[in-house]
Structure formats: C-alpha cells, structure tokens
Amino acid sequence: MSRVVVKKMRWTILRRSLRRRDRAGQTFLAAALVVCAVVLQASETRVASNAPSFRLTPDQFDLGVVGHNDKKSVRFTIENLLDQPLVLAAPKSSCDCMKVVFALQPLSPGEKREGEVQVSLGRGFGAFSKHVDFALQAGQQPVTSLTIEARFHPDIAIANEEKHLSM
C-alpha cells in the first residue's frame, strides 16, 4: 500500500472514532440533562410539599401571672390552606397538665375550626413555657406549635431548701 492510501485510511479511522466519541458525548450530555430535569422536578415537588398546609391563630399565648393550682383555658383557630381536605393527627402536648379539645374530622378547603387547650397548673415558681404540636395525619414532623407561657408568683422568693424539695 502506498503512503497516501495509508494516510487516508488513518484519517478515515480517526474521523469515525471521533464521530463515535461525539455521539457518545451527545448521549452522555442528553442523559445528564434528563437527570438534571428529574432532580429539579423532585426539588420543586419537595418545596411545594413543605409549604404550609394549615394556619394556627394565634400561635402563642401568655397567661401572665398565675397561681398554684389555677385552671386556665385558651382558644385557638386552625384554617385549612390547601385545596383539598386536611386531616390532622391528634395534637401532642409537652405536658400532661394540658388537655386539647379539638374535633379531628377532616377540614374542608378553606375551613376554619376552633379548639381549646385547658391548662391545669400545679405548683411551681418562675416562668414556664409549654407547647402543643399539630401535625398532619400522614405522621410528618410537627408542622406548627401552639406555645403557652406564664409566670408563677414572680414576686415571691423561695428558700433554697424549698427549691430542693420541689424538684
């Protein structure tokens, strides 16, 4: 074979190889774009699912100064912000001293429903903060919390011995 023929063969082989690589690169690029689109779609869905599904008003109460063995109750409203029925799980309080009275039937889109937290205070000194967590029926993390704060007899000073006995 002549040199010219060998050179042409080499160039032909090289061009074919480059075309294959180019096609492989295009295939890789197309696959990478598809993966990016799927990831973006999933992140948009995740952002939408983290959007608030209900509103709790008010979300904080200050009972002010309270005495030992006082009983207080506070009222709240939950509003469904979704365009579909919303089912809440049973509210969970941070303390057995609180009883939540709330109907667990599904809330229609845009519906508002009132509830009540009854607080039975024992003995204590100083400030305290308790909360009630509200979550969706699906078992997700608490979506929102209702915080209740108060102060037991702020003007009474207690002896160190009483502090130890009350712990």
Foldseek 3Di string as FASTA:
>chain_A
DDPVVVVVVVVVVVVVVVVVVVVVVVVVVVVVVVVVVVVVVVVVVVVVVLPDQKDKPPQEAEPEEDEAFDKDKDKIKIFGQDQAWFFKDPKDKPDPQKDKAFDRDTAHHGRMGMIMIMGGHHDDAFKDKIKIFIGGPVPDDGSGIRIYMYGYPPPDDDDPVVVVVVD
